[in-house]
C-alpha atoms as a PDB file:
ATOM      1  CA  MET A   1     -10.211   6.675 -20.195  1.00  0.00           C
ATOM      2  CA  VAL A   2      -8.509   8.272 -17.116  1.00  0.00           C
ATOM      3  CA  LYS A   3     -10.008   7.057 -13.880  1.00  0.00           C
ATOM      4  CA  LYS A   4     -10.868   9.832 -11.491  1.00  0.00           C
ATOM      5  CA  ALA A   5      -9.333   9.604  -8.038  1.00  0.00           C
ATOM      6  CA  ARG A   6     -11.773   8.667  -5.412  1.00  0.00           C
ATOM      7  CA  TYR A   7     -12.401  10.753  -2.246  1.00  0.00           C
ATOM      8  CA  TYR A   8     -12.018   9.067   1.014  1.00  0.00           C
ATOM      9  CA  SER A   9     -12.996  10.763   4.278  1.00  0.00           C
ATOM     10  CA  ASN A  10      -9.303  10.618   5.500  1.00  0.00           C
ATOM     11  CA  GLN A  11      -7.336  10.970   2.326  1.00  0.00           C
ATOM     12  CA  GLU A  12      -4.157  11.537   4.528  1.00  0.00           C
ATOM     13  CA  PHE A  13      -4.327   8.081   5.957  1.00  0.00           C
ATOM     14  CA  VAL A  14      -5.048   6.435   2.564  1.00  0.00           C
ATOM     15  CA  ILE A  15      -1.924   8.168   1.174  1.00  0.00           C
ATOM     16  CA  SER A  16       0.155   7.111   4.088  1.00  0.00           C
ATOM     17  CA  ILE A  17      -0.756   3.403   3.520  1.00  0.00           C
ATOM     18  CA  GLY A  18       0.336   3.826  -0.121  1.00  0.00           C
ATOM     19  CA  GLN A  19       3.537   5.383   0.900  1.00  0.00           C
ATOM     20  CA  ARG A  20       4.249   2.524   3.299  1.00  0.00           C
ATOM     21  CA  ILE A  21       3.853   0.024   0.430  1.00  0.00           C
ATOM     22  CA  LYS A  22       6.159   2.058  -1.614  1.00  0.00           C
ATOM     23  CA  GLU A  23       8.761   2.244   1.178  1.00  0.00           C
ATOM     24  CA  LEU A  24       8.667  -1.528   1.505  1.00  0.00           C
ATOM     25  CA  ARG A  25       9.181  -1.935  -2.215  1.00  0.00           C
ATOM     26  CA  LYS A  26      12.123   0.481  -2.240  1.00  0.00           C
ATOM     27  CA  GLU A  27      13.756  -1.246   0.789  1.00  0.00           C
ATOM     28  CA  HIS A  28      13.716  -4.497  -1.270  1.00  0.00           C
ATOM     29  CA  ASN A  29      14.482  -2.804  -4.579  1.00  0.00           C
ATOM     30  CA  HIS A  30      11.295  -4.049  -6.134  1.00  0.00           C
ATOM     31  CA  SER A  31       9.341  -2.327  -8.917  1.00  0.00           C
ATOM     32  CA  GLN A  32       5.618  -1.998  -8.857  1.00  0.00           C
ATOM     33  CA  GLU A  33       5.390  -4.542 -11.695  1.00  0.00           C
ATOM     34  CA  TYR A  34       7.407  -7.116  -9.695  1.00  0.00           C
ATOM     35  CA  LEU A  35       5.244  -6.792  -6.546  1.00  0.00           C
ATOM     36  CA  ILE A  36       2.037  -6.793  -8.648  1.00  0.00           C
ATOM     37  CA  GLU A  37       3.270 -10.002 -10.381  1.00  0.00           C
ATOM     38  CA  LYS A  38       4.089 -11.677  -6.960  1.00  0.00           C
ATOM     39  CA  VAL A  39       1.106 -10.661  -4.875  1.00  0.00           C
ATOM     40  CA  ARG A  40      -1.525 -10.075  -7.631  1.00  0.00           C
ATOM     41  CA  LEU A  41      -2.822  -6.840  -6.160  1.00  0.00           C
ATOM     42  CA  SER A  42      -3.432  -3.348  -7.443  1.00  0.00           C
ATOM     43  CA  ILE A  43      -0.253  -1.897  -5.962  1.00  0.00           C
ATOM     44  CA  ASN A  44      -0.178   1.068  -8.333  1.00  0.00           C
ATOM     45  CA  CYS A  45      -3.696   2.118  -7.293  1.00  0.00           C
ATOM     46  CA  TYR A  46      -2.825   1.780  -3.556  1.00  0.00           C
ATOM     47  CA  GLU A  47       0.327   3.912  -3.987  1.00  0.00           C
ATOM     48  CA  THR A  48      -1.632   6.629  -5.800  1.00  0.00           C
ATOM     49  CA  GLY A  49      -4.471   6.658  -3.329  1.00  0.00           C
ATOM     50  CA  THR A  50      -7.049   5.695  -5.894  1.00  0.00           C
ATOM     51  CA  LYS A  51      -7.901   2.489  -4.071  1.00  0.00           C
ATOM     52  CA  VAL A  52      -7.579   1.467  -0.405  1.00  0.00           C
ATOM     53  CA  PRO A  53      -6.223  -1.961   0.175  1.00  0.00           C
ATOM     54  CA  THR A  54      -8.346  -4.313   2.270  1.00  0.00           C
ATOM     55  CA  LEU A  55      -6.900  -5.802   5.486  1.00  0.00           C
ATOM     56  CA  MET A  56      -6.387  -9.141   3.600  1.00  0.00           C
ATOM     57  CA  SER A  57      -4.471  -7.214   0.822  1.00  0.00           C
ATOM     58  CA  ILE A  58      -2.241  -5.688   3.487  1.00  0.00           C
ATOM     59  CA  TYR A  59      -1.751  -9.058   5.023  1.00  0.00           C
ATOM     60  CA  LYS A  60      -0.684 -10.516   1.714  1.00  0.00           C
ATOM     61  CA  ILE A  61       1.906  -7.793   1.273  1.00  0.00           C
ATOM     62  CA  CYS A  62       3.092  -8.301   4.841  1.00  0.00           C
ATOM     63  CA  GLU A  63       3.402 -12.080   4.202  1.00  0.00           C
ATOM     64  CA  PHE A  64       5.346 -11.382   1.070  1.00  0.00           C
ATOM     65  CA  TYR A  65       7.854  -9.055   2.834  1.00  0.00           C
ATOM     66  CA  LYS A  66       7.799 -11.325   6.032  1.00  0.00           C
ATOM     67  CA  ILE A  67       6.578  -8.598   8.388  1.00  0.00           C
ATOM     68  CA  SER A  68       3.664  -8.450  10.762  1.00  0.00           C
ATOM     69  CA  ILE A  69       0.634  -6.207  10.284  1.00  0.00           C
ATOM     70  CA  SER A  70       1.862  -4.176  13.400  1.00  0.00           C
ATOM     71  CA  GLU A  71       5.303  -3.649  11.657  1.00  0.00           C
ATOM     72  CA  PHE A  72       3.380  -2.463   8.551  1.00  0.00           C
ATOM     73  CA  PHE A  73       1.571   0.215  10.476  1.00  0.00           C
ATOM     74  CA  ALA A  74       4.215   1.015  13.029  1.00  0.00           C
ATOM     75  CA  PRO A  75       5.986   3.667  10.943  1.00  0.00           C
ATOM     76  CA  ILE A  76       2.727   5.290   9.771  1.00  0.00           C
ATOM     77  CA  ASN A  77       2.614   8.731  11.405  1.00  0.00           C
ATOM     78  CA  TYR A  78      -1.129   9.148  11.450  1.00  0.00           C
ATOM     79  CA  GLN A  79      -2.869  11.871  13.421  1.00  0.00           C
ATOM     80  CA  HIS A  80      -6.700  11.992  13.571  1.00  0.00           C
END
């Protein structure tokens, strides 16, 4: 069964969060599987925009990569 993508009121922002997670993985040469194993989160769903990570999930990713929440969001070019 293929899961249908969920619609969020600001899909652009959701996608930018997923892209940021992917950027961090690529900077560290980590696969999705590796990060999933380390942080036990739905990284693949975040990167495709089918799920939005909670603040605690983002915190967990930041903790793993040793960056602050503000560093995580700093490069996101979001316009509302």
